[in-house]
């Protein structure tokens, strides 16, 4: 009997570990996609581009970012004809706790505008916190590191 209980407990722990890894993989993929979506837009469609990107964010961060988009990014992008494209260079899991996963992203972003001739390239590191909302991983905090 002890062998059966021990085997059952071991199986449960292995399955629980697989589920945690699956959550991390899903959250990491979501972090990469959402951050690329939030940082990629064309001045001719910036409001639509970022409105669609905002479906991947949640909580107070969603409210703050929506305000930033409406009050700063959209008007400035249109006025200065700013277009940006973001790419994730590398990413990794920085932490995981239940329904929250933190991902570290190394990103490149290229920007064009009427203010600068040519293309400007910037690199950044961001720590992205995600949580599950209605079965979907959503970004609820972003911090530069």
Foldseek 3Di string as FASTA:
>chain_A
DVVVVVVVVVVVVVVVVVVQVVLQVQLQVLVQVLVQQCFFDWLVCQVVSNVVSLVQADDPVSVVSVCCSVPPVNVVCNVFRKGKGKHFPDKDWPDDDVQKTKMKTWMKMWMDTNVDPDIDIDIFIKIWMWGDDPNHTHTYDIDTD
